[in-house]
């Protein structure tokens, strides 16, 4: 008796992760956080190419299309390493004053891929309630950036899943929620699954 074995090949999706510190003071290739140098206040239309977390340069670009301000705030030492991100990402933040919206746009994305975007905001040194709204593809999610102990958010994230780019573009924005004086963005994580 002759037996025939049939093997089915299942393609395992490949994921690439990009982590950006929008207020980073460093952009050297050895750093995990590829981001913006500290630019000061009202820096719009600033563009940076993305590197994945293995250090490979990509054709993907992130642009700040409307700016807020970049700040360095004390008290972040207690957040060092929180959620697996480095201390500098917690120490600096891109922030929006009440009534201001800061917008970003990814370009060079793969329209055949699926994306997950994680946005994290934190502000230490304040116990005032400050909630940040993050909006992607018309969906808004929020989390509190401050904590009662004054150490800043170290656990809350806003995650947007199953995102698709259109023409290689994907935009998002953040602002201070109603009743909050500021909104914050410390960490941007984009995961691409092809």
N, C-alpha and C. Protein backbone atom coordinates (compact mmCIF):
# COMPACT_ATOMS: atom_id res chain seq x y z
N UNK A 1 0.84 -1.17 0.00
CA UNK A 1 0.00 0.00 0.00
C UNK A 1 0.89 1.24 0.00
N UNK A 2 0.63 2.12 -0.92
CA UNK A 2 1.40 3.34 -1.05
C UNK A 2 0.65 4.46 -0.33
N UNK A 3 1.32 5.08 0.57
CA UNK A 3 0.70 6.20 1.29
C UNK A 3 1.26 7.51 0.77
N UNK A 4 0.40 8.43 0.61
CA UNK A 4 0.80 9.74 0.14
C UNK A 4 0.61 10.73 1.28
N UNK A 5 1.65 11.45 1.58
CA UNK A 5 1.57 12.46 2.64
C UNK A 5 1.50 13.83 1.99
N UNK A 6 0.56 14.60 2.44
CA UNK A 6 0.41 15.96 1.93
C UNK A 6 0.76 16.92 3.05
N UNK A 7 1.67 17.81 2.76
CA UNK A 7 2.07 18.80 3.74
C UNK A 7 1.56 20.17 3.29
N UNK A 8 0.95 20.85 4.20
CA UNK A 8 0.45 22.19 3.90
C UNK A 8 1.39 23.21 4.49
N UNK A 9 1.69 24.18 3.72
CA UNK A 9 2.57 25.24 4.19
C UNK A 9 1.72 26.42 4.66
N UNK A 10 1.96 26.84 5.87
CA UNK A 10 1.26 27.99 6.41
C UNK A 10 2.26 29.13 6.54
N UNK A 11 1.93 30.23 5.93
CA UNK A 11 2.82 31.39 6.01
C UNK A 11 2.65 32.06 7.36
N UNK A 12 3.74 32.25 8.05
CA UNK A 12 3.71 32.91 9.35
C UNK A 12 3.88 34.41 9.12
N UNK A 13 2.91 35.19 9.59
CA UNK A 13 3.03 36.64 9.39
C UNK A 13 4.30 37.18 10.03
N UNK A 14 4.94 38.10 9.34
CA UNK A 14 6.15 38.72 9.83
C UNK A 14 5.82 40.09 10.41
N UNK A 15 6.26 40.34 11.62
CA UNK A 15 5.97 41.62 12.27
C UNK A 15 7.25 42.44 12.38
N UNK A 16 7.11 43.73 12.14
CA UNK A 16 8.21 44.67 12.37
C UNK A 16 7.70 45.72 13.34
N UNK A 17 8.55 46.09 14.26
CA UNK A 17 8.16 47.06 15.28
C UNK A 17 9.02 48.31 15.15
N UNK A 18 8.35 49.45 15.22
CA UNK A 18 9.01 50.75 15.18
C UNK A 18 8.62 51.49 16.46
N UNK A 19 9.61 51.96 17.19
CA UNK A 19 9.35 52.70 18.43
C UNK A 19 9.95 54.09 18.26
N UNK A 20 9.13 55.09 18.48
CA UNK A 20 9.56 56.47 18.28
C UNK A 20 9.33 57.25 19.55
N UNK A 21 10.33 57.97 19.98
CA UNK A 21 10.21 58.89 21.10
C UNK A 21 10.09 60.28 20.48
N UNK A 22 8.89 60.85 20.43
CA UNK A 22 8.71 62.10 19.69
C UNK A 22 9.42 63.31 20.27
N UNK A 23 9.93 63.19 21.47
CA UNK A 23 10.63 64.33 22.06
C UNK A 23 12.06 63.96 22.44
N UNK A 24 12.59 62.92 21.81
CA UNK A 24 13.91 62.43 22.16
C UNK A 24 14.99 63.48 21.91
N UNK A 25 16.00 63.44 22.75
CA UNK A 25 17.12 64.36 22.57
C UNK A 25 18.24 63.70 21.77
N UNK A 26 18.02 62.45 21.31
CA UNK A 26 19.07 61.75 20.58
C UNK A 26 18.48 61.00 19.39
N UNK A 27 19.26 60.88 18.32
CA UNK A 27 18.81 60.12 17.15
C UNK A 27 19.91 59.20 16.65
N UNK A 28 20.87 58.85 17.49
CA UNK A 28 21.98 58.03 17.01
C UNK A 28 21.51 56.61 16.70
N UNK A 29 22.09 55.97 15.67
CA UNK A 29 21.63 54.67 15.21
C UNK A 29 21.69 53.57 16.27
N UNK A 30 22.51 53.72 17.30
CA UNK A 30 22.59 52.69 18.32
C UNK A 30 21.44 52.71 19.31
N UNK A 31 20.62 53.71 19.28
CA UNK A 31 19.53 53.84 20.24
C UNK A 31 18.30 53.08 19.78
N UNK A 32 17.56 52.52 20.71
CA UNK A 32 16.31 51.85 20.38
C UNK A 32 15.28 52.88 19.94
N UNK A 33 15.28 54.03 20.58
CA UNK A 33 14.30 55.05 20.26
C UNK A 33 14.81 55.95 19.16
N UNK A 34 14.21 55.81 17.99
CA UNK A 34 14.56 56.65 16.86
C UNK A 34 13.54 57.76 16.84
N UNK A 35 13.95 58.96 17.03
CA UNK A 35 12.94 60.00 17.12
C UNK A 35 13.48 61.35 16.79
N UNK A 36 12.83 62.32 17.33
CA UNK A 36 13.13 63.70 17.04
C UNK A 36 14.15 64.22 18.03
N UNK A 37 15.11 65.00 17.55
CA UNK A 37 15.93 65.73 18.51
C UNK A 37 15.04 66.75 19.20
N UNK A 38 15.45 67.24 20.33
CA UNK A 38 14.63 68.26 21.01
C UNK A 38 14.64 69.51 20.15
N UNK A 39 13.48 69.90 19.68
CA UNK A 39 13.39 71.00 18.72
C UNK A 39 12.88 72.29 19.33
N UNK A 40 12.34 72.23 20.54
CA UNK A 40 11.77 73.42 21.13
C UNK A 40 10.31 73.56 20.77
N UNK A 41 9.79 74.74 20.88
CA UNK A 41 8.37 74.98 20.74
C UNK A 41 7.97 75.20 19.28
N UNK A 42 6.77 74.75 18.92
CA UNK A 42 6.14 75.03 17.63
C UNK A 42 6.95 74.56 16.43
N UNK A 43 7.42 73.32 16.50
CA UNK A 43 8.13 72.74 15.36
C UNK A 43 7.17 71.86 14.59
N UNK A 44 6.68 72.35 13.47
CA UNK A 44 5.79 71.57 12.61
C UNK A 44 6.51 71.14 11.36
N UNK A 45 5.90 70.23 10.62
CA UNK A 45 6.45 69.73 9.37
C UNK A 45 7.88 69.22 9.54
N UNK A 46 8.12 68.54 10.65
CA UNK A 46 9.42 67.93 10.88
C UNK A 46 9.30 66.45 10.55
N UNK A 47 10.23 65.93 9.77
CA UNK A 47 10.15 64.57 9.26
C UNK A 47 11.34 63.75 9.73
N UNK A 48 11.08 62.48 10.08
CA UNK A 48 12.16 61.58 10.48
C UNK A 48 11.91 60.21 9.84
N UNK A 49 12.97 59.60 9.24
CA UNK A 49 12.83 58.24 8.72
C UNK A 49 12.80 57.26 9.90
N UNK A 50 12.12 56.13 9.71
CA UNK A 50 11.99 55.17 10.80
C UNK A 50 12.96 54.01 10.65
N UNK A 51 13.43 53.52 11.80
CA UNK A 51 14.24 52.33 11.90
C UNK A 51 13.41 51.33 12.69
N UNK A 52 13.46 50.04 12.32
CA UNK A 52 12.75 49.08 13.15
C UNK A 52 13.61 48.76 14.37
N UNK A 53 13.06 48.00 15.31
CA UNK A 53 13.77 47.78 16.58
C UNK A 53 15.01 46.90 16.42
N UNK A 54 15.20 46.30 15.24
CA UNK A 54 16.45 45.57 15.01
C UNK A 54 17.49 46.47 14.36
N UNK A 55 17.15 47.77 14.16
CA UNK A 55 18.10 48.74 13.63
C UNK A 55 18.10 48.87 12.13
N UNK A 56 17.15 48.23 11.45
CA UNK A 56 17.09 48.28 9.99
C UNK A 56 16.33 49.54 9.55
N UNK A 57 16.96 50.31 8.66
CA UNK A 57 16.34 51.51 8.12
C UNK A 57 15.22 51.11 7.18
N UNK A 58 14.13 51.85 7.21
CA UNK A 58 13.00 51.57 6.33
C UNK A 58 12.69 52.79 5.48
N UNK A 59 11.76 52.61 4.56
CA UNK A 59 11.31 53.74 3.73
C UNK A 59 10.16 54.48 4.40
N UNK A 60 9.79 54.03 5.59
CA UNK A 60 8.69 54.67 6.32
C UNK A 60 9.17 55.97 6.96
N UNK A 61 8.29 56.94 6.93
CA UNK A 61 8.63 58.26 7.46
C UNK A 61 7.51 58.72 8.37
N UNK A 62 7.86 59.39 9.46
CA UNK A 62 6.88 60.00 10.34
C UNK A 62 7.08 61.50 10.31
N UNK A 63 6.00 62.22 10.08
CA UNK A 63 6.06 63.67 9.98
C UNK A 63 5.12 64.29 11.00
N UNK A 64 5.60 65.32 11.70
CA UNK A 64 4.72 66.12 12.55
C UNK A 64 4.09 67.14 11.62
N UNK A 65 2.79 67.03 11.40
CA UNK A 65 2.13 67.92 10.43
C UNK A 65 1.57 69.17 11.08
N UNK A 66 1.28 69.13 12.37
CA UNK A 66 0.94 70.36 13.11
C UNK A 66 1.49 70.18 14.50
N UNK A 67 2.19 71.18 14.97
CA UNK A 67 3.02 70.99 16.16
C UNK A 67 2.39 71.51 17.43
N UNK A 68 2.89 70.98 18.51
CA UNK A 68 2.61 71.51 19.84
C UNK A 68 3.93 72.00 20.36
N UNK A 69 4.33 71.51 21.52
CA UNK A 69 5.61 71.89 22.11
C UNK A 69 6.27 70.64 22.65
N UNK A 70 7.58 70.74 22.83
CA UNK A 70 8.34 69.62 23.38
C UNK A 70 8.89 70.08 24.72
N UNK A 71 8.69 69.26 25.74
CA UNK A 71 9.11 69.67 27.07
C UNK A 71 9.89 68.60 27.79
N UNK A 72 10.69 69.01 28.73
CA UNK A 72 11.41 68.12 29.62
C UNK A 72 10.91 68.39 31.01
N UNK A 73 10.41 67.35 31.64
CA UNK A 73 9.80 67.52 32.95
C UNK A 73 10.49 66.64 33.97
N UNK A 74 10.63 67.16 35.18
CA UNK A 74 11.27 66.41 36.25
C UNK A 74 10.38 65.31 36.78
N UNK A 75 10.97 64.40 37.53
CA UNK A 75 10.20 63.37 38.20
C UNK A 75 10.08 62.07 37.45
N UNK A 76 10.66 61.97 36.25
CA UNK A 76 10.49 60.76 35.45
C UNK A 76 11.42 59.63 35.84
N UNK A 77 12.38 59.87 36.71
CA UNK A 77 13.30 58.80 37.08
C UNK A 77 12.58 57.57 37.60
N UNK A 78 11.46 57.77 38.25
CA UNK A 78 10.71 56.64 38.79
C UNK A 78 10.05 55.82 37.70
N UNK A 79 9.97 56.33 36.49
CA UNK A 79 9.35 55.60 35.39
C UNK A 79 10.36 54.86 34.53
N UNK A 80 11.63 54.92 34.91
CA UNK A 80 12.67 54.29 34.09
C UNK A 80 12.34 52.83 33.85
N UNK A 81 12.29 52.45 32.60
CA UNK A 81 12.05 51.06 32.25
C UNK A 81 10.60 50.63 32.30
N UNK A 82 9.68 51.52 32.66
CA UNK A 82 8.27 51.14 32.74
C UNK A 82 7.77 50.70 31.37
N UNK A 83 6.98 49.66 31.35
CA UNK A 83 6.41 49.07 30.14
C UNK A 83 7.48 48.67 29.12
N UNK A 84 8.72 48.55 29.56
CA UNK A 84 9.79 48.11 28.68
C UNK A 84 10.43 49.20 27.85
N UNK A 85 10.08 50.46 28.09
CA UNK A 85 10.65 51.57 27.33
C UNK A 85 11.71 52.28 28.17
N UNK A 86 12.69 52.87 27.51
CA UNK A 86 13.80 53.52 28.20
C UNK A 86 13.41 54.79 28.93
N UNK A 87 14.28 55.23 29.82
CA UNK A 87 14.01 56.38 30.68
C UNK A 87 13.82 57.67 29.89
N UNK A 88 14.60 57.88 28.82
CA UNK A 88 14.50 59.14 28.09
C UNK A 88 13.10 59.35 27.51
N UNK A 89 12.45 58.25 27.14
CA UNK A 89 11.11 58.38 26.57
C UNK A 89 10.10 58.85 27.59
N UNK A 90 10.36 58.61 28.85
CA UNK A 90 9.46 59.08 29.91
C UNK A 90 9.83 60.48 30.36
N UNK A 91 11.09 60.82 30.20
CA UNK A 91 11.60 62.10 30.70
C UNK A 91 11.16 63.27 29.83
N UNK A 92 10.99 63.02 28.51
CA UNK A 92 10.59 64.07 27.60
C UNK A 92 9.23 63.75 27.00
N UNK A 93 8.50 64.78 26.62
CA UNK A 93 7.16 64.57 26.04
C UNK A 93 6.86 65.62 24.99
N UNK A 94 6.14 65.21 23.97
CA UNK A 94 5.53 66.17 23.05
C UNK A 94 4.20 66.51 23.71
N UNK A 95 3.87 67.78 23.86
CA UNK A 95 2.63 68.09 24.55
C UNK A 95 1.81 69.13 23.80
N UNK A 96 0.51 69.10 24.10
CA UNK A 96 -0.43 70.03 23.48
C UNK A 96 -1.12 70.80 24.58
N UNK A 97 -1.11 72.11 24.46
CA UNK A 97 -1.88 72.94 25.39
C UNK A 97 -3.37 72.72 25.13
N UNK A 98 -4.18 73.02 26.12
CA UNK A 98 -5.63 72.94 25.96
C UNK A 98 -6.06 73.74 24.73
N UNK A 99 -6.89 73.14 23.89
CA UNK A 99 -7.35 73.82 22.69
C UNK A 99 -6.47 73.62 21.48
N UNK A 100 -5.33 72.92 21.63
CA UNK A 100 -4.40 72.67 20.53
C UNK A 100 -4.39 71.19 20.19
N UNK A 101 -4.37 70.86 18.91
CA UNK A 101 -4.24 69.48 18.46
C UNK A 101 -2.92 69.32 17.73
N UNK A 102 -2.18 68.28 18.09
CA UNK A 102 -0.92 67.97 17.44
C UNK A 102 -1.17 66.78 16.51
N UNK A 103 -0.74 66.90 15.26
CA UNK A 103 -1.01 65.87 14.26
C UNK A 103 0.28 65.28 13.70
N UNK A 104 0.23 63.98 13.41
CA UNK A 104 1.34 63.24 12.82
C UNK A 104 0.83 62.48 11.60
N UNK A 105 1.75 62.15 10.71
CA UNK A 105 1.38 61.29 9.59
C UNK A 105 2.54 60.36 9.25
N UNK A 106 2.23 59.05 9.17
CA UNK A 106 3.17 58.08 8.64
C UNK A 106 3.00 58.05 7.13
N UNK A 107 4.10 57.95 6.38
CA UNK A 107 4.05 57.74 4.95
C UNK A 107 4.99 56.58 4.61
N UNK A 108 4.81 56.02 3.43
CA UNK A 108 5.65 54.89 3.02
C UNK A 108 5.20 53.56 3.60
N UNK A 109 3.98 53.51 4.15
CA UNK A 109 3.48 52.26 4.71
C UNK A 109 3.02 51.32 3.61
N UNK A 110 2.86 50.07 3.96
CA UNK A 110 2.44 49.02 3.03
C UNK A 110 0.93 48.84 3.14
N UNK A 111 0.19 49.16 2.10
CA UNK A 111 -1.27 49.07 2.15
C UNK A 111 -1.76 47.63 2.30
N UNK A 112 -0.90 46.65 2.03
CA UNK A 112 -1.28 45.24 2.20
C UNK A 112 -1.07 44.77 3.65
N UNK A 113 -0.42 45.56 4.45
CA UNK A 113 -0.12 45.19 5.83
C UNK A 113 -1.24 45.64 6.77
N UNK A 114 -1.21 45.08 7.97
CA UNK A 114 -2.10 45.50 9.05
C UNK A 114 -1.21 46.12 10.12
N UNK A 115 -1.67 47.20 10.72
CA UNK A 115 -0.86 47.93 11.69
C UNK A 115 -1.55 48.01 13.05
N UNK A 116 -0.71 48.06 14.08
CA UNK A 116 -1.18 48.35 15.43
C UNK A 116 -0.38 49.54 15.93
N UNK A 117 -1.08 50.55 16.41
CA UNK A 117 -0.43 51.77 16.88
C UNK A 117 -0.71 51.93 18.37
N UNK A 118 0.36 52.03 19.16
CA UNK A 118 0.25 52.24 20.60
C UNK A 118 0.79 53.62 20.92
N UNK A 119 0.00 54.42 21.63
CA UNK A 119 0.37 55.78 22.00
C UNK A 119 0.34 55.89 23.52
N UNK A 120 1.39 56.49 24.08
CA UNK A 120 1.52 56.58 25.53
C UNK A 120 1.89 58.00 25.92
N UNK A 121 1.18 58.55 26.88
CA UNK A 121 1.48 59.87 27.41
C UNK A 121 1.66 59.81 28.91
N UNK A 122 2.63 60.57 29.41
CA UNK A 122 2.91 60.58 30.84
C UNK A 122 3.44 61.95 31.24
N UNK A 123 3.04 62.39 32.43
CA UNK A 123 3.56 63.65 32.96
C UNK A 123 3.75 63.49 34.45
N UNK A 124 5.00 63.51 34.88
CA UNK A 124 5.30 63.43 36.31
C UNK A 124 5.39 64.83 36.88
N UNK A 125 5.40 64.91 38.19
CA UNK A 125 5.56 66.20 38.85
C UNK A 125 4.26 66.98 38.98
N UNK A 126 3.14 66.36 38.62
CA UNK A 126 1.85 67.02 38.76
C UNK A 126 0.82 66.00 39.23
N UNK A 127 -0.02 66.42 40.15
CA UNK A 127 -1.12 65.56 40.58
C UNK A 127 -2.45 66.04 40.01
N UNK A 128 -2.41 67.12 39.24
CA UNK A 128 -3.61 67.61 38.56
C UNK A 128 -4.07 66.56 37.55
N UNK A 129 -5.36 66.34 37.42
CA UNK A 129 -5.87 65.37 36.46
C UNK A 129 -5.66 65.91 35.05
N UNK A 130 -4.86 65.20 34.26
CA UNK A 130 -4.59 65.58 32.88
C UNK A 130 -4.80 64.35 32.01
N UNK A 131 -5.84 64.39 31.21
CA UNK A 131 -6.21 63.27 30.34
C UNK A 131 -5.89 63.66 28.91
N UNK A 132 -5.31 62.73 28.16
CA UNK A 132 -4.95 62.98 26.77
C UNK A 132 -5.86 62.15 25.86
N UNK A 133 -6.39 62.80 24.81
CA UNK A 133 -7.15 62.12 23.77
C UNK A 133 -6.22 61.80 22.61
N UNK A 134 -6.30 60.57 22.09
CA UNK A 134 -5.54 60.14 20.92
C UNK A 134 -6.55 59.72 19.86
N UNK A 135 -6.41 60.21 18.64
CA UNK A 135 -7.38 59.90 17.58
C UNK A 135 -6.66 59.32 16.37
N UNK A 136 -7.16 58.17 15.92
CA UNK A 136 -6.64 57.49 14.74
C UNK A 136 -7.84 57.03 13.92
N UNK A 137 -7.85 57.37 12.65
CA UNK A 137 -8.92 56.95 11.73
C UNK A 137 -10.31 57.21 12.30
N UNK A 138 -10.50 58.36 12.92
CA UNK A 138 -11.80 58.75 13.43
C UNK A 138 -12.18 58.15 14.77
N UNK A 139 -11.32 57.31 15.34
CA UNK A 139 -11.58 56.69 16.64
C UNK A 139 -10.72 57.38 17.69
N UNK A 140 -11.34 57.79 18.80
CA UNK A 140 -10.61 58.46 19.87
C UNK A 140 -10.57 57.58 21.11
N UNK A 141 -9.38 57.46 21.68
CA UNK A 141 -9.17 56.76 22.95
C UNK A 141 -8.43 57.71 23.86
N UNK A 142 -8.59 57.52 25.16
CA UNK A 142 -7.99 58.44 26.14
C UNK A 142 -7.35 57.67 27.28
N UNK A 143 -6.36 58.29 27.88
CA UNK A 143 -5.88 57.81 29.18
C UNK A 143 -5.28 58.98 29.96
N UNK A 144 -5.29 58.80 31.28
CA UNK A 144 -4.76 59.84 32.15
C UNK A 144 -3.24 59.82 32.12
N UNK A 145 -2.64 60.99 31.96
CA UNK A 145 -1.19 61.10 31.86
C UNK A 145 -0.52 61.36 33.20
N UNK A 146 -1.30 61.84 34.17
CA UNK A 146 -0.77 62.14 35.50
C UNK A 146 -1.30 61.10 36.49
N UNK A 147 -0.69 61.07 37.66
CA UNK A 147 -1.14 60.16 38.72
C UNK A 147 -1.22 60.91 40.04
N UNK A 148 -2.00 60.37 40.97
CA UNK A 148 -2.17 61.02 42.27
C UNK A 148 -0.87 61.09 43.05
N UNK A 149 0.05 60.15 42.80
CA UNK A 149 1.32 60.17 43.53
C UNK A 149 2.34 61.11 42.88
N UNK A 150 1.98 61.74 41.75
CA UNK A 150 2.87 62.70 41.10
C UNK A 150 3.97 62.06 40.27
N UNK A 151 3.96 60.73 40.14
CA UNK A 151 5.03 60.06 39.39
C UNK A 151 4.73 59.92 37.90
N UNK A 152 3.51 60.22 37.50
CA UNK A 152 3.16 60.12 36.08
C UNK A 152 2.70 58.73 35.69
N UNK A 153 1.94 58.66 34.60
CA UNK A 153 1.44 57.39 34.09
C UNK A 153 2.60 56.45 33.77
N UNK A 154 2.50 55.23 34.26
CA UNK A 154 3.51 54.21 33.96
C UNK A 154 2.87 52.92 33.47
N UNK A 155 1.53 52.91 33.32
CA UNK A 155 0.86 51.66 32.97
C UNK A 155 -0.19 51.79 31.86
N UNK A 156 -0.74 52.97 31.64
CA UNK A 156 -1.85 53.11 30.71
C UNK A 156 -1.37 53.40 29.29
N UNK A 157 -2.01 52.76 28.32
CA UNK A 157 -1.69 52.96 26.91
C UNK A 157 -2.99 53.11 26.12
N UNK A 158 -2.91 53.70 24.96
CA UNK A 158 -4.02 53.75 24.02
C UNK A 158 -3.59 52.98 22.79
N UNK A 159 -4.26 51.85 22.55
CA UNK A 159 -3.86 50.94 21.47
C UNK A 159 -4.94 50.92 20.39
N UNK A 160 -4.51 51.10 19.14
CA UNK A 160 -5.39 51.07 17.98
C UNK A 160 -4.95 49.90 17.11
N UNK A 161 -5.83 48.92 16.94
CA UNK A 161 -5.49 47.69 16.22
C UNK A 161 -6.19 47.61 14.87
N UNK A 162 -5.70 46.69 14.05
CA UNK A 162 -6.28 46.40 12.74
C UNK A 162 -6.39 47.65 11.85
N UNK A 163 -5.35 48.45 11.88
CA UNK A 163 -5.33 49.67 11.07
C UNK A 163 -4.77 49.36 9.68
N UNK A 164 -5.29 50.04 8.68
CA UNK A 164 -4.80 49.92 7.32
C UNK A 164 -4.40 51.32 6.83
N UNK A 165 -3.34 51.36 6.08
CA UNK A 165 -2.94 52.62 5.47
C UNK A 165 -3.67 52.79 4.14
N UNK A 166 -3.76 54.01 3.70
CA UNK A 166 -4.36 54.31 2.40
C UNK A 166 -3.35 55.11 1.60
N UNK A 167 -2.92 54.56 0.48
CA UNK A 167 -1.88 55.24 -0.29
C UNK A 167 -0.59 55.35 0.49
N UNK A 168 -0.37 54.39 1.40
CA UNK A 168 0.84 54.38 2.22
C UNK A 168 0.82 55.35 3.38
N UNK A 169 -0.34 55.97 3.64
CA UNK A 169 -0.42 56.99 4.69
C UNK A 169 -1.34 56.57 5.82
N UNK A 170 -0.96 56.96 7.02
CA UNK A 170 -1.78 56.76 8.22
C UNK A 170 -1.54 57.94 9.14
N UNK A 171 -2.60 58.63 9.52
CA UNK A 171 -2.48 59.84 10.36
C UNK A 171 -3.04 59.59 11.74
N UNK A 172 -2.54 60.35 12.70
CA UNK A 172 -3.10 60.33 14.06
C UNK A 172 -2.83 61.68 14.71
N UNK A 173 -3.54 61.93 15.80
CA UNK A 173 -3.38 63.21 16.50
C UNK A 173 -3.62 63.01 17.98
N UNK A 174 -3.23 64.02 18.75
CA UNK A 174 -3.54 64.00 20.18
C UNK A 174 -3.83 65.41 20.65
N UNK A 175 -4.59 65.50 21.74
CA UNK A 175 -4.90 66.80 22.36
C UNK A 175 -5.28 66.58 23.81
N UNK A 176 -5.39 67.68 24.53
CA UNK A 176 -5.84 67.62 25.92
C UNK A 176 -7.34 67.38 25.92
N UNK A 177 -7.78 66.42 26.73
CA UNK A 177 -9.21 66.15 26.84
C UNK A 177 -9.90 67.36 27.48
N UNK A 178 -11.21 67.54 27.24
CA UNK A 178 -11.92 68.65 27.88
C UNK A 178 -11.72 68.63 29.40
N UNK A 179 -11.40 69.80 29.95
CA UNK A 179 -11.14 69.92 31.37
C UNK A 179 -9.69 69.72 31.77
N UNK A 180 -8.84 69.28 30.82
CA UNK A 180 -7.41 69.09 31.08
C UNK A 180 -6.63 70.25 30.48
N UNK A 181 -5.57 70.65 31.15
CA UNK A 181 -4.77 71.78 30.67
C UNK A 181 -3.76 71.37 29.60
N UNK A 182 -3.34 70.10 29.61
CA UNK A 182 -2.34 69.62 28.66
C UNK A 182 -2.65 68.19 28.25
N UNK A 183 -2.17 67.82 27.05
CA UNK A 183 -2.16 66.43 26.60
C UNK A 183 -0.73 66.06 26.27
N UNK A 184 -0.36 64.78 26.43
CA UNK A 184 1.04 64.37 26.30
C UNK A 184 1.20 63.17 25.38
N UNK A 185 2.34 63.12 24.71
CA UNK A 185 2.73 61.96 23.92
C UNK A 185 4.21 61.72 24.16
N UNK A 186 4.52 60.61 24.83
CA UNK A 186 5.91 60.24 25.12
C UNK A 186 6.44 59.15 24.23
N UNK A 187 5.56 58.21 23.84
CA UNK A 187 6.00 57.03 23.10
C UNK A 187 5.01 56.71 21.99
N UNK A 188 5.55 56.45 20.80
CA UNK A 188 4.76 55.98 19.66
C UNK A 188 5.34 54.63 19.27
N UNK A 189 4.49 53.62 19.25
CA UNK A 189 4.93 52.30 18.79
C UNK A 189 4.04 51.84 17.65
N UNK A 190 4.66 51.53 16.52
CA UNK A 190 3.93 51.06 15.35
C UNK A 190 4.40 49.64 15.06
N UNK A 191 3.45 48.70 15.00
CA UNK A 191 3.77 47.31 14.63
C UNK A 191 3.12 47.02 13.29
N UNK A 192 3.93 46.53 12.36
CA UNK A 192 3.46 46.20 11.01
C UNK A 192 3.47 44.69 10.85
N UNK A 193 2.34 44.11 10.43
CA UNK A 193 2.27 42.68 10.15
C UNK A 193 1.92 42.50 8.69
N UNK A 194 2.79 41.81 7.97
CA UNK A 194 2.59 41.58 6.54
C UNK A 194 2.23 40.12 6.32
